[in-house]
C-alpha atoms as a PDB file:
ATOM      1  CA  MET A   1      24.907 -16.317 -36.651  1.00  0.00           C
ATOM      2  CA  LYS A   2      21.802 -13.817 -36.496  1.00  0.00           C
ATOM      3  CA  THR A   3      20.220 -16.960 -34.292  1.00  0.00           C
ATOM      4  CA  ASN A   4      22.672 -16.105 -31.599  1.00  0.00           C
ATOM      5  CA  LYS A   5      21.833 -12.185 -32.138  1.00  0.00           C
ATOM      6  CA  LEU A   6      17.968 -12.885 -31.448  1.00  0.00           C
ATOM      7  CA  ILE A   7      18.359 -14.818 -28.574  1.00  0.00           C
ATOM      8  CA  PRO A   8      20.090 -12.359 -26.505  1.00  0.00           C
ATOM      9  CA  PHE A   9      17.540  -9.433 -27.460  1.00  0.00           C
ATOM     10  CA  SER A  10      14.756 -12.127 -27.117  1.00  0.00           C
ATOM     11  CA  LEU A  11      16.336 -12.344 -23.785  1.00  0.00           C
ATOM     12  CA  LEU A  12      16.533  -8.727 -22.958  1.00  0.00           C
ATOM     13  CA  LEU A  13      12.988  -8.103 -24.470  1.00  0.00           C
ATOM     14  CA  MET A  14      11.276 -10.529 -21.859  1.00  0.00           C
ATOM     15  CA  VAL A  15      13.143  -9.153 -18.749  1.00  0.00           C
ATOM     16  CA  THR A  16      12.474  -5.718 -20.053  1.00  0.00           C
ATOM     17  CA  ILE A  17       8.798  -6.463 -20.186  1.00  0.00           C
ATOM     18  CA  SER A  18       9.314  -8.469 -16.844  1.00  0.00           C
ATOM     19  CA  LEU A  19      10.929  -5.236 -14.952  1.00  0.00           C
ATOM     20  CA  PHE A  20       8.673  -2.449 -16.112  1.00  0.00           C
ATOM     21  CA  SER A  21       5.422  -4.576 -15.379  1.00  0.00           C
ATOM     22  CA  SER A  22       6.165  -5.511 -11.802  1.00  0.00           C
ATOM     23  CA  CYS A  23       7.056  -1.674 -11.191  1.00  0.00           C
ATOM     24  CA  THR A  24       3.667  -0.960 -11.238  1.00  0.00           C
ATOM     25  CA  SER A  25       3.015  -3.773  -8.756  1.00  0.00           C
ATOM     26  CA  ILE A  26       2.034  -3.187  -5.232  1.00  0.00           C
ATOM     27  CA  PRO A  27       3.787  -4.412  -2.502  1.00  0.00           C
ATOM     28  CA  LYS A  28       3.088  -8.174  -0.785  1.00  0.00           C
ATOM     29  CA  GLY A  29       0.243  -7.780   1.561  1.00  0.00           C
ATOM     30  CA  ALA A  30      -0.726  -3.740   0.729  1.00  0.00           C
ATOM     31  CA  VAL A  31      -3.910  -3.077  -0.737  1.00  0.00           C
ATOM     32  CA  ALA A  32      -4.886   0.005  -2.171  1.00  0.00           C
ATOM     33  CA  VAL A  33      -7.755   1.630  -1.299  1.00  0.00           C
ATOM     34  CA  SER A  34     -10.804   1.235  -2.790  1.00  0.00           C
ATOM     35  CA  SER A  35     -14.009   3.529  -3.328  1.00  0.00           C
ATOM     36  CA  PHE A  36     -11.255   5.899  -4.339  1.00  0.00           C
ATOM     37  CA  ASP A  37     -12.577   9.175  -5.504  1.00  0.00           C
ATOM     38  CA  LYS A  38      -9.963  10.664  -7.965  1.00  0.00           C
ATOM     39  CA  GLU A  39     -11.837  14.144  -7.758  1.00  0.00           C
ATOM     40  CA  LYS A  40     -11.000  14.281  -3.647  1.00  0.00           C
ATOM     41  CA  TYR A  41      -7.973  12.869  -4.672  1.00  0.00           C
ATOM     42  CA  LEU A  42      -6.598  15.915  -6.903  1.00  0.00           C
ATOM     43  CA  GLY A  43      -4.835  19.198  -5.733  1.00  0.00           C
ATOM     44  CA  LYS A  44      -1.540  20.005  -3.902  1.00  0.00           C
ATOM     45  CA  TRP A  45      -0.606  17.715  -0.978  1.00  0.00           C
ATOM     46  CA  TYR A  46       2.371  18.303   1.203  1.00  0.00           C
ATOM     47  CA  GLU A  47       4.921  15.225   1.585  1.00  0.00           C
ATOM     48  CA  ILE A  48       5.559  14.924   5.056  1.00  0.00           C
ATOM     49  CA  ALA A  49       7.986  11.791   5.300  1.00  0.00           C
ATOM     50  CA  ARG A  50       9.255   9.829   2.659  1.00  0.00           C
ATOM     51  CA  MET A  51      11.854   7.020   1.777  1.00  0.00           C
ATOM     52  CA  ASP A  52      14.897   8.178   0.191  1.00  0.00           C
ATOM     53  CA  PHE A  53      15.711   8.143  -2.953  1.00  0.00           C
ATOM     54  CA  LYS A  54      17.849   9.656  -5.742  1.00  0.00           C
ATOM     55  CA  PHE A  55      15.155  11.701  -7.245  1.00  0.00           C
ATOM     56  CA  GLU A  56      14.238  13.596  -4.368  1.00  0.00           C
ATOM     57  CA  ARG A  57      17.632  13.657  -2.417  1.00  0.00           C
ATOM     58  CA  GLY A  58      18.295  16.343  -0.323  1.00  0.00           C
ATOM     59  CA  LEU A  59      14.864  18.054  -1.172  1.00  0.00           C
ATOM     60  CA  ASN A  60      12.922  19.372   1.177  1.00  0.00           C
ATOM     61  CA  ASN A  61       9.242  22.121   0.881  1.00  0.00           C
ATOM     62  CA  THR A  62       8.123  18.842  -1.335  1.00  0.00           C
ATOM     63  CA  THR A  63       4.761  19.214  -2.668  1.00  0.00           C
ATOM     64  CA  ALA A  64       2.750  17.212  -5.197  1.00  0.00           C
ATOM     65  CA  PHE A  65       0.263  18.890  -7.538  1.00  0.00           C
ATOM     66  CA  TYR A  66      -2.379  16.250  -9.230  1.00  0.00           C
ATOM     67  CA  SER A  67      -4.924  17.835 -11.934  1.00  0.00           C
ATOM     68  CA  VAL A  68      -6.338  15.614 -15.021  1.00  0.00           C
ATOM     69  CA  ASN A  69      -5.000  16.068 -18.230  1.00  0.00           C
ATOM     70  CA  LYS A  70      -7.236  16.154 -21.384  1.00  0.00           C
ATOM     71  CA  ASP A  71      -6.444  12.612 -22.036  1.00  0.00           C
ATOM     72  CA  GLY A  72      -8.166  11.987 -18.679  1.00  0.00           C
ATOM     73  CA  SER A  73      -4.748  10.738 -16.760  1.00  0.00           C
ATOM     74  CA  ILE A  74      -3.283  12.149 -14.083  1.00  0.00           C
ATOM     75  CA  ARG A  75      -1.056  15.032 -14.660  1.00  0.00           C
ATOM     76  CA  VAL A  76       1.830  14.814 -11.756  1.00  0.00           C
ATOM     77  CA  GLN A  77       3.870  17.910 -11.050  1.00  0.00           C
ATOM     78  CA  ASN A  78       6.356  17.161  -7.757  1.00  0.00           C
ATOM     79  CA  ARG A  79       8.276  20.243  -6.885  1.00  0.00           C
ATOM     80  CA  GLY A  80      11.038  20.524  -3.895  1.00  0.00           C
ATOM     81  CA  TYR A  81      13.510  23.023  -2.655  1.00  0.00           C
ATOM     82  CA  ASN A  82      17.251  22.327  -2.634  1.00  0.00           C
ATOM     83  CA  PRO A  83      18.782  24.228   0.067  1.00  0.00           C
ATOM     84  CA  ALA A  84      22.393  22.958  -0.426  1.00  0.00           C
ATOM     85  CA  LYS A  85      22.212  24.513  -4.332  1.00  0.00           C
ATOM     86  CA  ASN A  86      19.456  27.254  -3.191  1.00  0.00           C
ATOM     87  CA  VAL A  87      16.916  26.082  -6.189  1.00  0.00           C
ATOM     88  CA  TRP A  88      13.665  24.518  -6.686  1.00  0.00           C
ATOM     89  CA  LYS A  89      13.318  21.366  -8.941  1.00  0.00           C
ATOM     90  CA  GLU A  90      10.240  20.301 -10.288  1.00  0.00           C
ATOM     91  CA  ALA A  91       9.308  17.291 -12.158  1.00  0.00           C
ATOM     92  CA  ILE A  92       6.235  16.854 -14.178  1.00  0.00           C
ATOM     93  CA  GLY A  93       4.819  13.233 -15.170  1.00  0.00           C
ATOM     94  CA  LYS A  94       1.754  11.385 -15.727  1.00  0.00           C
ATOM     95  CA  ALA A  95      -0.778   8.491 -13.495  1.00  0.00           C
ATOM     96  CA  LYS A  96      -2.990   6.257 -14.963  1.00  0.00           C
ATOM     97  CA  PHE A  97      -4.995   3.706 -12.585  1.00  0.00           C
ATOM     98  CA  VAL A  98      -3.744   0.219 -13.397  1.00  0.00           C
ATOM     99  CA  GLY A  99      -7.385  -1.664 -13.438  1.00  0.00           C
ATOM    100  CA  LYS A 100     -10.400   0.207 -11.969  1.00  0.00           C
ATOM    101  CA  ASP A 101     -10.688   3.963 -11.854  1.00  0.00           C
ATOM    102  CA  ASP A 102     -11.468   3.571  -8.339  1.00  0.00           C
ATOM    103  CA  VAL A 103      -9.462   1.565  -6.740  1.00  0.00           C
ATOM    104  CA  ALA A 104      -6.219   3.642  -5.802  1.00  0.00           C
ATOM    105  CA  MET A 105      -3.248   1.687  -7.721  1.00  0.00           C
ATOM    106  CA  LEU A 106      -1.959   3.844 -10.056  1.00  0.00           C
ATOM    107  CA  LYS A 107       1.361   3.706 -12.123  1.00  0.00           C
ATOM    108  CA  VAL A 108       3.365   6.872 -12.937  1.00  0.00           C
ATOM    109  CA  SER A 109       5.609   7.970 -15.195  1.00  0.00           C
ATOM    110  CA  PHE A 110       8.407  10.788 -15.354  1.00  0.00           C
ATOM    111  CA  PHE A 111      10.523   9.146 -18.137  1.00  0.00           C
ATOM    112  CA  GLY A 112       8.067   8.376 -21.222  1.00  0.00           C
ATOM    113  CA  PRO A 113       7.486   4.488 -21.138  1.00  0.00           C
ATOM    114  CA  PHE A 114       8.825   3.535 -17.998  1.00  0.00           C
ATOM    115  CA  TYR A 115       6.375   3.251 -15.086  1.00  0.00           C
ATOM    116  CA  GLY A 116       6.536   3.079 -11.645  1.00  0.00           C
ATOM    117  CA  GLY A 117       3.653   2.226  -8.617  1.00  0.00           C
ATOM    118  CA  TYR A 118       1.667   4.195  -6.825  1.00  0.00           C
ATOM    119  CA  ASN A 119      -0.718   2.681  -4.805  1.00  0.00           C
ATOM    120  CA  VAL A 120      -3.181   5.039  -1.663  1.00  0.00           C
ATOM    121  CA  ILE A 121      -3.080   2.072   1.106  1.00  0.00           C
ATOM    122  CA  ALA A 122      -4.122   4.341   3.320  1.00  0.00           C
ATOM    123  CA  LEU A 123      -6.764   7.589   3.116  1.00  0.00           C
ATOM    124  CA  ASP A 124      -8.608   9.235   5.470  1.00  0.00           C
ATOM    125  CA  LYS A 125     -12.236  10.004   5.104  1.00  0.00           C
ATOM    126  CA  ASP A 126     -11.791  13.590   4.049  1.00  0.00           C
ATOM    127  CA  TYR A 127      -8.825  13.167   1.722  1.00  0.00           C
ATOM    128  CA  LYS A 128      -6.924  15.074   4.161  1.00  0.00           C
ATOM    129  CA  TYR A 129      -4.263  12.667   4.864  1.00  0.00           C
ATOM    130  CA  ALA A 130      -2.585   9.751   2.665  1.00  0.00           C
ATOM    131  CA  LEU A 131      -0.081   7.069   2.882  1.00  0.00           C
ATOM    132  CA  ILE A 132       1.528   5.880  -0.316  1.00  0.00           C
ATOM    133  CA  ALA A 133       3.352   3.039  -1.459  1.00  0.00           C
ATOM    134  CA  GLY A 134       5.691   2.172  -4.522  1.00  0.00           C
ATOM    135  CA  ASN A 135       5.899  -1.319  -5.789  1.00  0.00           C
ATOM    136  CA  ASN A 136       7.805  -2.540  -3.068  1.00  0.00           C
ATOM    137  CA  LEU A 137       9.771  -1.769   0.090  1.00  0.00           C
ATOM    138  CA  ASP A 138      11.927   0.382  -1.047  1.00  0.00           C
ATOM    139  CA  TYR A 139       9.108   3.325  -1.990  1.00  0.00           C
ATOM    140  CA  LEU A 140       7.088   5.256   0.630  1.00  0.00           C
ATOM    141  CA  TRP A 141       5.263   8.813   1.545  1.00  0.00           C
ATOM    142  CA  ILE A 142       3.169  10.081   3.679  1.00  0.00           C
ATOM    143  CA  LEU A 143       1.248  13.167   2.353  1.00  0.00           C
ATOM    144  CA  SER A 144      -0.974  15.963   4.033  1.00  0.00           C
ATOM    145  CA  ARG A 145      -2.945  18.635   3.212  1.00  0.00           C
ATOM    146  CA  GLU A 146      -1.085  20.759   5.109  1.00  0.00           C
ATOM    147  CA  LYS A 147       2.268  21.186   6.194  1.00  0.00           C
ATOM    148  CA  THR A 148       1.456  19.252   9.137  1.00  0.00           C
ATOM    149  CA  LEU A 149       0.523  15.734  10.708  1.00  0.00           C
ATOM    150  CA  PRO A 150      -1.377  15.065  13.794  1.00  0.00           C
ATOM    151  CA  LYS A 151      -0.056  12.879  15.557  1.00  0.00           C
ATOM    152  CA  ASP A 152      -2.450  10.170  15.797  1.00  0.00           C
ATOM    153  CA  ILE A 153      -2.194   9.728  12.045  1.00  0.00           C
ATOM    154  CA  LYS A 154       1.111   9.592  12.078  1.00  0.00           C
ATOM    155  CA  THR A 155       0.839   6.638  14.443  1.00  0.00           C
ATOM    156  CA  GLU A 156      -1.580   5.026  12.544  1.00  0.00           C
ATOM    157  CA  TYR A 157       0.781   5.172   9.249  1.00  0.00           C
ATOM    158  CA  LEU A 158       3.725   4.038  10.448  1.00  0.00           C
ATOM    159  CA  LYS A 159       1.633   0.904  11.941  1.00  0.00           C
ATOM    160  CA  ILE A 160       0.424   0.368   8.687  1.00  0.00           C
ATOM    161  CA  ALA A 161       3.655   0.502   6.873  1.00  0.00           C
ATOM    162  CA  GLY A 162       5.656  -1.347   9.987  1.00  0.00           C
ATOM    163  CA  ASN A 163       3.643  -4.084   9.299  1.00  0.00           C
ATOM    164  CA  LEU A 164       4.078  -4.538   5.664  1.00  0.00           C
ATOM    165  CA  GLY A 165       7.713  -4.372   6.427  1.00  0.00           C
ATOM    166  CA  PHE A 166       8.716  -1.091   5.664  1.00  0.00           C
ATOM    167  CA  LYS A 167      11.687  -0.030   7.604  1.00  0.00           C
ATOM    168  CA  THR A 168      10.037   3.403   8.982  1.00  0.00           C
ATOM    169  CA  SER A 169      13.100   4.362  11.229  1.00  0.00           C
ATOM    170  CA  GLU A 170      14.523   5.096   7.921  1.00  0.00           C
ATOM    171  CA  LEU A 171      11.792   8.013   6.592  1.00  0.00           C
ATOM    172  CA  ILE A 172      13.110  11.326   5.802  1.00  0.00           C
ATOM    173  CA  TRP A 173      10.864  13.741   7.637  1.00  0.00           C
ATOM    174  CA  VAL A 174      10.626  16.542   5.413  1.00  0.00           C
ATOM    175  CA  GLU A 175      11.002  20.202   6.377  1.00  0.00           C
ATOM    176  CA  HIS A 176       8.643  22.544   5.273  1.00  0.00           C
ATOM    177  CA  ASP A 177      10.124  26.102   5.873  1.00  0.00           C
ATOM    178  CA  LYS A 178       9.636  27.852   2.682  1.00  0.00           C
END
Protein backbone atom coordinates (compact mmCIF):
# COMPACT_ATOMS: atom_id res chain seq x y z
CA MET A 1 0.00 0.00 0.00
CA LYS A 2 2.83 2.42 0.71
CA THR A 3 4.16 2.12 -2.85
CA ASN A 4 0.78 3.19 -4.27
CA LYS A 5 1.01 6.42 -2.28
CA LEU A 6 4.65 6.99 -3.24
CA ILE A 7 4.13 6.63 -6.99
CA PRO A 8 1.50 9.40 -7.24
CA PHE A 9 3.58 11.67 -4.97
CA SER A 10 6.70 11.08 -7.07
CA LEU A 11 4.75 11.76 -10.24
CA LEU A 12 3.25 14.92 -8.73
CA LEU A 13 6.71 16.09 -7.65
CA MET A 14 8.16 15.53 -11.15
CA VAL A 15 5.25 17.35 -12.83
CA THR A 16 5.51 20.25 -10.36
CA ILE A 17 9.26 20.63 -10.90
CA SER A 18 8.75 20.49 -14.66
CA LEU A 19 5.97 23.10 -14.58
CA PHE A 20 7.83 25.56 -12.40
CA SER A 21 11.13 25.23 -14.21
CA SER A 22 9.35 25.94 -17.50
CA CYS A 23 7.87 29.12 -16.01
CA THR A 24 11.30 30.71 -16.13
CA SER A 25 11.84 30.07 -19.81
CA ILE A 26 11.45 32.31 -22.85
CA PRO A 27 9.05 31.95 -25.82
CA LYS A 28 10.40 30.05 -28.81
CA GLY A 29 12.34 32.35 -31.11
CA ALA A 30 12.67 35.15 -28.55
CA VAL A 31 16.11 36.20 -27.39
CA ALA A 32 16.82 38.06 -24.16
CA VAL A 33 18.81 41.28 -24.48
CA SER A 34 22.52 40.74 -23.89
CA SER A 35 24.98 43.33 -22.56
CA PHE A 36 22.16 44.20 -20.16
CA ASP A 37 22.96 46.78 -17.48
CA LYS A 38 20.85 46.13 -14.39
CA GLU A 39 21.68 49.54 -12.89
CA LYS A 40 20.35 51.39 -15.96
CA TYR A 41 17.15 49.33 -15.87
CA LEU A 42 16.31 50.16 -12.25
CA GLY A 43 13.73 52.81 -11.43
CA LYS A 44 10.20 53.57 -12.54
CA TRP A 45 8.57 52.24 -15.70
CA TYR A 46 5.06 52.94 -17.01
CA GLU A 47 3.17 50.01 -18.43
CA ILE A 48 2.04 51.11 -21.89
CA ALA A 49 0.45 47.85 -23.02
CA ARG A 50 0.02 44.29 -21.78
CA MET A 51 -1.66 41.02 -22.53
CA ASP A 52 -4.63 40.59 -20.21
CA PHE A 53 -4.09 38.36 -17.22
CA LYS A 54 -5.70 37.76 -13.85
CA PHE A 55 -3.46 39.83 -11.57
CA GLU A 56 -3.72 43.07 -13.54
CA ARG A 57 -7.26 42.68 -14.88
CA GLY A 58 -9.18 45.95 -14.74
CA LEU A 59 -6.20 48.06 -13.69
CA ASN A 60 -4.95 51.24 -15.34
CA ASN A 61 -2.19 53.69 -14.39
CA THR A 62 0.03 50.65 -13.92
CA THR A 63 3.69 51.09 -13.12
CA ALA A 64 6.65 48.98 -12.11
CA PHE A 65 9.46 50.20 -9.89
CA TYR A 66 12.68 48.20 -9.74
CA SER A 67 15.34 48.54 -7.04
CA VAL A 68 18.03 46.30 -5.54
CA ASN A 69 17.40 44.21 -2.43
CA LYS A 70 20.15 43.69 0.15
CA ASP A 71 20.72 40.15 -1.17
CA GLY A 72 21.34 41.47 -4.70
CA SER A 73 18.02 40.36 -6.13
CA ILE A 74 15.78 42.96 -7.73
CA ARG A 75 12.81 44.29 -5.78
CA VAL A 76 9.75 44.56 -8.00
CA GLN A 77 6.97 46.92 -6.96
CA ASN A 78 3.97 46.79 -9.30
CA ARG A 79 1.17 49.29 -8.80
CA GLY A 80 -2.12 49.94 -10.57
CA TYR A 81 -5.43 51.67 -10.10
CA ASN A 82 -8.77 49.86 -10.18
CA PRO A 83 -11.34 52.48 -11.29
CA ALA A 84 -14.29 50.15 -10.66
CA LYS A 85 -13.38 49.88 -6.96
CA ASN A 86 -11.65 53.27 -6.71
CA VAL A 87 -8.57 51.69 -5.10
CA TRP A 88 -4.87 51.31 -5.80
CA LYS A 89 -3.44 47.79 -5.83
CA GLU A 90 0.18 46.97 -5.18
CA ALA A 91 2.25 43.81 -5.38
CA ILE A 92 5.82 43.42 -4.16
CA GLY A 93 8.01 40.68 -5.56
CA LYS A 94 11.58 39.87 -6.38
CA ALA A 95 13.44 39.00 -9.55
CA LYS A 96 16.63 37.02 -10.07
CA PHE A 97 18.72 36.42 -13.15
CA VAL A 98 18.29 32.96 -14.62
CA GLY A 99 21.91 32.90 -15.83
CA LYS A 100 24.45 35.68 -16.26
CA ASP A 101 23.46 39.08 -14.91
CA ASP A 102 24.26 40.76 -18.24
CA VAL A 103 21.57 38.74 -20.05
CA ALA A 104 18.06 40.10 -19.45
CA MET A 105 16.48 36.72 -18.73
CA LEU A 106 15.05 36.77 -15.24
CA LYS A 107 12.57 34.95 -13.10
CA VAL A 108 10.17 36.91 -10.92
CA SER A 109 8.15 35.84 -7.90
CA PHE A 110 5.29 37.47 -6.06
CA PHE A 111 4.22 34.26 -4.29
CA GLY A 112 7.02 32.58 -2.39
CA PRO A 113 8.85 29.89 -4.30
CA PHE A 114 6.80 30.21 -7.51
CA TYR A 115 8.58 32.04 -10.33
CA GLY A 116 7.56 33.20 -13.78
CA GLY A 117 9.66 34.29 -16.71
CA TYR A 118 10.58 37.95 -17.19
CA ASN A 119 12.55 38.41 -20.39
CA VAL A 120 13.57 41.77 -21.80
CA ILE A 121 13.51 41.03 -25.55
CA ALA A 122 13.86 44.60 -26.85
CA LEU A 123 15.40 47.64 -25.23
CA ASP A 124 16.57 50.95 -26.64
CA LYS A 125 20.14 52.07 -25.98
CA ASP A 126 19.02 54.74 -23.48
CA TYR A 127 16.85 52.33 -21.44
CA LYS A 128 13.70 54.37 -22.08
CA TYR A 129 11.55 51.70 -23.77
CA ALA A 130 11.37 47.95 -23.17
CA LEU A 131 9.51 44.97 -24.58
CA ILE A 132 9.05 42.18 -22.04
CA ALA A 133 7.98 38.60 -22.71
CA GLY A 134 6.92 36.12 -20.07
CA ASN A 135 7.62 32.43 -20.35
CA ASN A 136 5.10 31.93 -23.17
CA LEU A 137 2.90 33.85 -25.63
CA ASP A 138 0.33 34.69 -22.94
CA TYR A 139 2.51 37.33 -21.28
CA LEU A 140 3.78 40.49 -22.97
CA TRP A 141 4.38 44.03 -21.76
CA ILE A 142 5.51 47.25 -23.38
CA LEU A 143 7.13 49.62 -20.88
CA SER A 144 8.28 53.23 -21.08
CA ARG A 145 9.95 55.68 -18.73
CA GLU A 146 7.18 58.13 -19.71
CA LYS A 147 3.41 57.74 -19.88
CA THR A 148 3.52 57.64 -23.67
CA LEU A 149 5.37 55.74 -26.36
CA PRO A 150 6.72 57.18 -29.62
CA LYS A 151 4.98 55.79 -32.72
CA ASP A 152 8.19 54.37 -34.21
CA ILE A 153 8.95 52.40 -31.01
CA LYS A 154 5.36 51.15 -30.87
CA THR A 155 5.57 49.98 -34.48
CA GLU A 156 8.94 48.29 -33.93
CA TYR A 157 7.88 46.49 -30.75
CA LEU A 158 4.56 45.33 -32.21
CA LYS A 159 6.44 43.92 -35.21
CA ILE A 160 8.91 42.05 -32.98
CA ALA A 161 6.08 40.62 -30.86
CA GLY A 162 3.95 39.71 -33.89
CA ASN A 163 6.87 37.91 -35.55
CA LEU A 164 7.27 35.80 -32.40
CA GLY A 165 3.60 34.78 -32.50
CA PHE A 166 2.09 37.14 -29.92
CA LYS A 167 -1.49 38.17 -30.70
CA THR A 168 -0.77 41.89 -30.58
CA SER A 169 -4.39 42.72 -31.44
CA GLU A 170 -5.25 41.45 -27.93
CA LEU A 171 -2.97 43.93 -26.15
CA ILE A 172 -4.60 46.19 -23.59
CA TRP A 173 -3.39 49.78 -24.00
CA VAL A 174 -3.07 51.20 -20.51
CA GLU A 175 -4.59 54.51 -19.57
CA HIS A 176 -2.44 56.86 -17.47
CA ASP A 177 -4.69 59.59 -16.13
CA LYS A 178 -3.89 59.61 -12.39
